[in-house]
Amino acid sequence: MPDITLITAVHPAICDSPRRKHGRCIKQSRRVVIQIAAEAGEKDANASSGLVNPTGVSEMTTYKGKCFCGAVEIEVNGTAEAMGYCHCSSCRSWSAAPVTAFTLWKPQNVRVTKGAEQIGKFMKTEASHRQFCKRCGGHLMTDHPPFGLVDVYAATIPTLKFTPGVHVNYSETVLPMRDGLPKLKDFPAELGGSGVAVPE
């Protein structure tokens, strides 16, 4: 087994939330974490994050996706940093859905392979650069420069096995999900939230 590190499982669009005040984080000892491989591609040889060739060298798996009309195509490589659900009103309004499924990636692991000129952007804040296809309006991903992560919407990359680890902004939910996963009232304290876990 490879070395495992613990990270806080969150949706990084924290700056879209009114709960963050004066740029200060509310500290709380309780944290919700998920286990991920210490580095992309370092999971077990048969895990979905990577393969091992005959020489024993790890190879990152590529997952492909596209917008609604297919004008824009993207691919992600390796292992997502975290996956989960966001129930906040901002994400629900943006996606026109009762809940959104996020997968977080390092920017170097995300690549547009077709139709880059068709990508439009909307920035409610400088922390969230939301991207969509200008031809069909299909949502693609959100770049979060302050956090060094890109949220590629799970539905955009159907070849990836979605394995959520946490729910955030569950106090705003309009679709309760009793799946046994940790539920946070808002965000972890490290990213400006209360860090409080709530019942399903």
C-alpha atoms as a PDB file:
ATOM      1  CA  MET A   1       0.000   0.000   0.000  1.00  0.00           C
ATOM      2  CA  PRO A   2       1.292   3.500  -0.783  1.00  0.00           C
ATOM      3  CA  ASP A   3       1.658   6.228   1.826  1.00  0.00           C
ATOM      4  CA  ILE A   4      -1.676   7.894   2.525  1.00  0.00           C
ATOM      5  CA  THR A   5      -2.250  11.517   3.422  1.00  0.00           C
ATOM      6  CA  LEU A   6      -5.348  13.137   4.887  1.00  0.00           C
ATOM      7  CA  ILE A   7      -6.894  16.225   3.357  1.00  0.00           C
ATOM      8  CA  THR A   8      -9.973  18.210   4.166  1.00  0.00           C
ATOM      9  CA  ALA A   9     -12.691  17.287   1.673  1.00  0.00           C
ATOM     10  CA  VAL A  10     -14.329  20.492   0.513  1.00  0.00           C
ATOM     11  CA  HIS A  11     -15.720  22.351  -2.411  1.00  0.00           C
ATOM     12  CA  PRO A  12     -13.324  25.290  -2.842  1.00  0.00           C
ATOM     13  CA  ALA A  13     -15.862  27.854  -4.066  1.00  0.00           C
ATOM     14  CA  ILE A  14     -15.786  29.287  -0.550  1.00  0.00           C
ATOM     15  CA  CYS A  15     -15.546  32.874  -1.746  1.00  0.00           C
ATOM     16  CA  ASP A  16     -18.999  32.568  -3.269  1.00  0.00           C
ATOM     17  CA  SER A  17     -20.386  32.000   0.214  1.00  0.00           C
ATOM     18  CA  PRO A  18     -21.574  34.864   2.425  1.00  0.00           C
ATOM     19  CA  ARG A  19     -20.378  32.942   5.493  1.00  0.00           C
ATOM     20  CA  ARG A  20     -16.797  34.076   5.042  1.00  0.00           C
ATOM     21  CA  LYS A  21     -16.332  37.396   6.830  1.00  0.00           C
ATOM     22  CA  HIS A  22     -13.379  39.796   6.639  1.00  0.00           C
ATOM     23  CA  GLY A  23     -11.218  37.078   5.097  1.00  0.00           C
ATOM     24  CA  ARG A  24     -10.822  35.324   8.441  1.00  0.00           C
ATOM     25  CA  CYS A  25     -11.432  31.682   9.111  1.00  0.00           C
ATOM     26  CA  ILE A  26     -13.418  30.405  12.077  1.00  0.00           C
ATOM     27  CA  LYS A  27     -11.306  27.711  13.687  1.00  0.00           C
ATOM     28  CA  GLN A  28     -12.888  24.498  14.885  1.00  0.00           C
ATOM     29  CA  SER A  29     -11.136  21.330  15.888  1.00  0.00           C
ATOM     30  CA  ARG A  30     -13.596  18.960  14.249  1.00  0.00           C
ATOM     31  CA  ARG A  31     -12.593  18.147  10.669  1.00  0.00           C
ATOM     32  CA  VAL A  32     -13.997  15.936   7.989  1.00  0.00           C
ATOM     33  CA  VAL A  33     -11.282  14.240   5.994  1.00  0.00           C
ATOM     34  CA  ILE A  34     -10.983  11.710   3.259  1.00  0.00           C
ATOM     35  CA  GLN A  35      -8.030   9.571   2.359  1.00  0.00           C
ATOM     36  CA  ILE A  36      -6.326  10.112  -0.947  1.00  0.00           C
ATOM     37  CA  ALA A  37      -3.071   8.910  -2.406  1.00  0.00           C
ATOM     38  CA  ALA A  38      -0.100  11.050  -1.416  1.00  0.00           C
ATOM     39  CA  GLU A  39       0.629  11.673  -5.073  1.00  0.00           C
ATOM     40  CA  ALA A  40      -1.452  11.188  -8.212  1.00  0.00           C
ATOM     41  CA  GLY A  41      -1.003   7.699  -9.609  1.00  0.00           C
ATOM     42  CA  GLU A  42       0.329   6.165  -6.380  1.00  0.00           C
ATOM     43  CA  LYS A  43      -2.696   4.068  -5.480  1.00  0.00           C
ATOM     44  CA  ASP A  44      -2.783   0.290  -5.838  1.00  0.00           C
ATOM     45  CA  ALA A  45      -1.843  -1.038  -9.240  1.00  0.00           C
ATOM     46  CA  ASN A  46      -5.405  -2.049 -10.025  1.00  0.00           C
ATOM     47  CA  ALA A  47      -7.054   1.132  -8.756  1.00  0.00           C
ATOM     48  CA  SER A  48      -8.874   3.367 -11.191  1.00  0.00           C
ATOM     49  CA  SER A  49      -6.327   6.149 -10.699  1.00  0.00           C
ATOM     50  CA  GLY A  50      -3.579   4.393 -12.596  1.00  0.00           C
ATOM     51  CA  LEU A  51      -2.167   1.316 -14.248  1.00  0.00           C
ATOM     52  CA  VAL A  52       1.160  -0.457 -14.004  1.00  0.00           C
ATOM     53  CA  ASN A  53       2.936  -1.387 -17.196  1.00  0.00           C
ATOM     54  CA  PRO A  54       5.191  -4.469 -17.534  1.00  0.00           C
ATOM     55  CA  THR A  55       8.208  -2.458 -16.335  1.00  0.00           C
ATOM     56  CA  GLY A  56       6.455  -1.647 -13.067  1.00  0.00           C
ATOM     57  CA  VAL A  57       6.220   2.085 -13.844  1.00  0.00           C
ATOM     58  CA  SER A  58       2.949   3.760 -12.864  1.00  0.00           C
ATOM     59  CA  GLU A  59       0.938   5.306 -15.689  1.00  0.00           C
ATOM     60  CA  MET A  60      -1.791   7.855 -15.071  1.00  0.00           C
ATOM     61  CA  THR A  61      -5.245   7.089 -16.406  1.00  0.00           C
ATOM     62  CA  THR A  62      -6.907   9.633 -18.681  1.00  0.00           C
ATOM     63  CA  TYR A  63     -10.613  10.420 -18.362  1.00  0.00           C
ATOM     64  CA  LYS A  64     -12.342  12.218 -21.220  1.00  0.00           C
ATOM     65  CA  GLY A  65     -15.420  14.392 -21.325  1.00  0.00           C
ATOM     66  CA  LYS A  66     -17.214  17.041 -23.338  1.00  0.00           C
ATOM     67  CA  CYS A  67     -19.857  19.719 -23.188  1.00  0.00           C
ATOM     68  CA  PHE A  68     -23.536  19.147 -24.040  1.00  0.00           C
ATOM     69  CA  CYS A  69     -23.108  19.697 -27.796  1.00  0.00           C
ATOM     70  CA  GLY A  70     -19.615  18.243 -28.086  1.00  0.00           C
ATOM     71  CA  ALA A  71     -17.965  21.438 -29.348  1.00  0.00           C
ATOM     72  CA  VAL A  72     -15.626  21.421 -26.343  1.00  0.00           C
ATOM     73  CA  GLU A  73     -13.739  18.347 -25.219  1.00  0.00           C
ATOM     74  CA  ILE A  74     -11.581  17.995 -22.138  1.00  0.00           C
ATOM     75  CA  GLU A  75      -9.556  15.361 -20.361  1.00  0.00           C
ATOM     76  CA  VAL A  76      -8.235  14.888 -16.848  1.00  0.00           C
ATOM     77  CA  ASN A  77      -5.305  12.711 -15.842  1.00  0.00           C
ATOM     78  CA  GLY A  78      -4.450  10.796 -12.700  1.00  0.00           C
ATOM     79  CA  THR A  79      -6.339  11.012  -9.432  1.00  0.00           C
ATOM     80  CA  ALA A  80      -8.825  13.631  -8.248  1.00  0.00           C
ATOM     81  CA  GLU A  81      -7.804  15.461  -5.083  1.00  0.00           C
ATOM     82  CA  ALA A  82     -11.326  15.091  -3.671  1.00  0.00           C
ATOM     83  CA  MET A  83     -14.915  14.371  -4.710  1.00  0.00           C
ATOM     84  CA  GLY A  84     -18.218  15.223  -3.101  1.00  0.00           C
ATOM     85  CA  TYR A  85     -21.495  17.123  -3.216  1.00  0.00           C
ATOM     86  CA  CYS A  86     -22.244  20.806  -2.712  1.00  0.00           C
ATOM     87  CA  HIS A  87     -25.726  21.914  -1.629  1.00  0.00           C
ATOM     88  CA  CYS A  88     -25.209  25.700  -1.560  1.00  0.00           C
ATOM     89  CA  SER A  89     -27.650  28.032  -3.288  1.00  0.00           C
ATOM     90  CA  SER A  90     -24.909  29.459  -5.543  1.00  0.00           C
ATOM     91  CA  CYS A  91     -24.005  26.084  -7.000  1.00  0.00           C
ATOM     92  CA  ARG A  92     -27.662  25.106  -7.293  1.00  0.00           C
ATOM     93  CA  SER A  93     -28.479  28.316  -9.138  1.00  0.00           C
ATOM     94  CA  TRP A  94     -25.474  28.010 -11.447  1.00  0.00           C
ATOM     95  CA  SER A  95     -26.175  24.382 -12.326  1.00  0.00           C
ATOM     96  CA  ALA A  96     -29.999  24.574 -12.234  1.00  0.00           C
ATOM     97  CA  ALA A  97     -29.935  21.418 -10.103  1.00  0.00           C
ATOM     98  CA  PRO A  98     -30.844  20.555  -6.498  1.00  0.00           C
ATOM     99  CA  VAL A  99     -27.264  19.471  -5.760  1.00  0.00           C
ATOM    100  CA  THR A 100     -23.933  19.514  -7.605  1.00  0.00           C
ATOM    101  CA  ALA A 101     -21.240  16.840  -7.765  1.00  0.00           C
ATOM    102  CA  PHE A 102     -17.661  18.112  -7.759  1.00  0.00           C
ATOM    103  CA  THR A 103     -14.296  16.555  -8.548  1.00  0.00           C
ATOM    104  CA  LEU A 104     -11.191  18.575  -7.710  1.00  0.00           C
ATOM    105  CA  TRP A 105      -7.984  18.378  -9.738  1.00  0.00           C
ATOM    106  CA  LYS A 106      -4.584  20.009  -9.906  1.00  0.00           C
ATOM    107  CA  PRO A 107      -4.572  22.436 -12.884  1.00  0.00           C
ATOM    108  CA  GLN A 108      -1.773  20.541 -14.639  1.00  0.00           C
ATOM    109  CA  ASN A 109      -4.016  17.463 -14.745  1.00  0.00           C
ATOM    110  CA  VAL A 110      -6.810  19.203 -16.669  1.00  0.00           C
ATOM    111  CA  ARG A 111      -6.572  19.896 -20.407  1.00  0.00           C
ATOM    112  CA  VAL A 112      -8.906  21.211 -23.102  1.00  0.00           C
ATOM    113  CA  THR A 113      -8.358  19.053 -26.179  1.00  0.00           C
ATOM    114  CA  LYS A 114     -10.906  20.621 -28.514  1.00  0.00           C
ATOM    115  CA  GLY A 115     -12.863  23.852 -28.864  1.00  0.00           C
ATOM    116  CA  ALA A 116     -10.936  26.114 -26.501  1.00  0.00           C
ATOM    117  CA  GLU A 117     -12.224  29.094 -28.479  1.00  0.00           C
ATOM    118  CA  GLN A 118     -15.776  28.059 -27.598  1.00  0.00           C
ATOM    119  CA  ILE A 119     -15.235  28.358 -23.840  1.00  0.00           C
ATOM    120  CA  GLY A 120     -16.903  31.251 -22.063  1.00  0.00           C
ATOM    121  CA  LYS A 121     -16.194  32.377 -18.496  1.00  0.00           C
ATOM    122  CA  PHE A 122     -18.189  33.944 -15.687  1.00  0.00           C
ATOM    123  CA  MET A 123     -16.579  35.201 -12.496  1.00  0.00           C
ATOM    124  CA  LYS A 124     -18.828  36.063  -9.568  1.00  0.00           C
ATOM    125  CA  THR A 125     -15.626  36.375  -7.566  1.00  0.00           C
ATOM    126  CA  GLU A 126     -11.944  36.195  -8.450  1.00  0.00           C
ATOM    127  CA  ALA A 127     -11.773  32.857  -6.652  1.00  0.00           C
ATOM    128  CA  SER A 128     -14.173  31.078  -8.992  1.00  0.00           C
ATOM    129  CA  HIS A 129     -13.712  31.211 -12.761  1.00  0.00           C
ATOM    130  CA  ARG A 130     -16.725  29.267 -14.018  1.00  0.00           C
ATOM    131  CA  GLN A 131     -16.385  27.933 -17.565  1.00  0.00           C
ATOM    132  CA  PHE A 132     -19.033  26.870 -20.058  1.00  0.00           C
ATOM    133  CA  CYS A 133     -19.521  26.205 -23.761  1.00  0.00           C
ATOM    134  CA  LYS A 134     -20.615  29.357 -25.602  1.00  0.00           C
ATOM    135  CA  ARG A 135     -22.382  27.294 -28.246  1.00  0.00           C
ATOM    136  CA  CYS A 136     -24.652  25.110 -26.086  1.00  0.00           C
ATOM    137  CA  GLY A 137     -24.260  26.659 -22.630  1.00  0.00           C
ATOM    138  CA  GLY A 138     -23.116  23.354 -21.156  1.00  0.00           C
ATOM    139  CA  HIS A 139     -21.091  23.729 -17.967  1.00  0.00           C
ATOM    140  CA  LEU A 140     -17.554  22.370 -17.973  1.00  0.00           C
ATOM    141  CA  MET A 141     -15.496  23.308 -14.911  1.00  0.00           C
ATOM    142  CA  THR A 142     -14.580  26.017 -12.440  1.00  0.00           C
ATOM    143  CA  ASP A 143     -11.017  27.177 -11.926  1.00  0.00           C
ATOM    144  CA  HIS A 144     -10.131  28.205  -8.349  1.00  0.00           C
ATOM    145  CA  PRO A 145      -6.732  29.981  -8.619  1.00  0.00           C
ATOM    146  CA  PRO A 146      -6.371  30.819  -4.891  1.00  0.00           C
ATOM    147  CA  PHE A 147      -6.631  27.142  -4.012  1.00  0.00           C
ATOM    148  CA  GLY A 148      -4.654  25.731  -6.927  1.00  0.00           C
ATOM    149  CA  LEU A 149      -7.555  23.466  -7.899  1.00  0.00           C
ATOM    150  CA  VAL A 150      -9.988  23.017 -10.761  1.00  0.00           C
ATOM    151  CA  ASP A 151     -13.481  21.674 -10.160  1.00  0.00           C
ATOM    152  CA  VAL A 152     -14.421  19.560 -13.164  1.00  0.00           C
ATOM    153  CA  TYR A 153     -18.108  18.764 -12.756  1.00  0.00           C
ATOM    154  CA  ALA A 154     -18.581  15.035 -12.326  1.00  0.00           C
ATOM    155  CA  ALA A 155     -21.200  14.897 -15.088  1.00  0.00           C
ATOM    156  CA  THR A 156     -18.688  16.375 -17.530  1.00  0.00           C
ATOM    157  CA  ILE A 157     -16.366  13.368 -17.260  1.00  0.00           C
ATOM    158  CA  PRO A 158     -18.645  10.298 -17.271  1.00  0.00           C
ATOM    159  CA  THR A 159     -15.721   7.923 -17.753  1.00  0.00           C
ATOM    160  CA  LEU A 160     -14.512   8.732 -14.224  1.00  0.00           C
ATOM    161  CA  LYS A 161     -15.958   6.628 -11.407  1.00  0.00           C
ATOM    162  CA  PHE A 162     -17.449   9.197  -9.059  1.00  0.00           C
ATOM    163  CA  THR A 163     -16.646   8.315  -5.432  1.00  0.00           C
ATOM    164  CA  PRO A 164     -17.883  11.150  -3.202  1.00  0.00           C
ATOM    165  CA  GLY A 165     -16.415  11.640   0.258  1.00  0.00           C
ATOM    166  CA  VAL A 166     -18.387  14.507   1.804  1.00  0.00           C
ATOM    167  CA  HIS A 167     -21.356  16.868   1.536  1.00  0.00           C
ATOM    168  CA  VAL A 168     -20.773  20.608   2.040  1.00  0.00           C
ATOM    169  CA  ASN A 169     -23.295  23.376   2.730  1.00  0.00           C
ATOM    170  CA  TYR A 170     -25.744  20.715   3.838  1.00  0.00           C
ATOM    171  CA  SER A 171     -27.705  23.225   5.907  1.00  0.00           C
ATOM    172  CA  GLU A 172     -28.911  24.685   2.593  1.00  0.00           C
ATOM    173  CA  THR A 173     -29.959  21.390   1.078  1.00  0.00           C
ATOM    174  CA  VAL A 174     -33.245  21.033  -0.765  1.00  0.00           C
ATOM    175  CA  LEU A 175     -32.542  17.368  -1.432  1.00  0.00           C
ATOM    176  CA  PRO A 176     -31.570  15.452   1.724  1.00  0.00           C
ATOM    177  CA  MET A 177     -29.306  12.496   0.928  1.00  0.00           C
ATOM    178  CA  ARG A 178     -29.023   9.758   3.524  1.00  0.00           C
ATOM    179  CA  ASP A 179     -25.962   8.022   2.165  1.00  0.00           C
ATOM    180  CA  GLY A 180     -23.856   7.773   5.313  1.00  0.00           C
ATOM    181  CA  LEU A 181     -21.279  10.316   4.124  1.00  0.00           C
ATOM    182  CA  PRO A 182     -20.170  13.174   6.413  1.00  0.00           C
ATOM    183  CA  LYS A 183     -22.425  16.254   6.192  1.00  0.00           C
ATOM    184  CA  LEU A 184     -20.997  19.712   6.888  1.00  0.00           C
ATOM    185  CA  LYS A 185     -23.206  22.641   7.837  1.00  0.00           C
ATOM    186  CA  ASP A 186     -21.149  24.848   5.509  1.00  0.00           C
ATOM    187  CA  PHE A 187     -17.397  24.562   4.900  1.00  0.00           C
ATOM    188  CA  PRO A 188     -14.472  23.313   6.982  1.00  0.00           C
ATOM    189  CA  ALA A 189     -12.975  25.901   9.315  1.00  0.00           C
ATOM    190  CA  GLU A 190      -9.755  25.934   7.309  1.00  0.00           C
ATOM    191  CA  LEU A 191     -11.605  27.513   4.391  1.00  0.00           C
ATOM    192  CA  GLY A 192     -13.724  29.971   6.287  1.00  0.00           C
ATOM    193  CA  GLY A 193     -16.643  27.824   7.399  1.00  0.00           C
ATOM    194  CA  SER A 194     -17.755  26.638  10.816  1.00  0.00           C
ATOM    195  CA  GLY A 195     -16.464  23.090  10.357  1.00  0.00           C
ATOM    196  CA  VAL A 196     -19.617  21.821  12.056  1.00  0.00           C
ATOM    197  CA  ALA A 197     -20.978  18.435  11.046  1.00  0.00           C
ATOM    198  CA  VAL A 198     -24.764  18.055  10.967  1.00  0.00           C
ATOM    199  CA  PRO A 199     -27.088  15.029  11.003  1.00  0.00           C
ATOM    200  CA  GLU A 200     -28.349  13.571   7.774  1.00  0.00           C
END
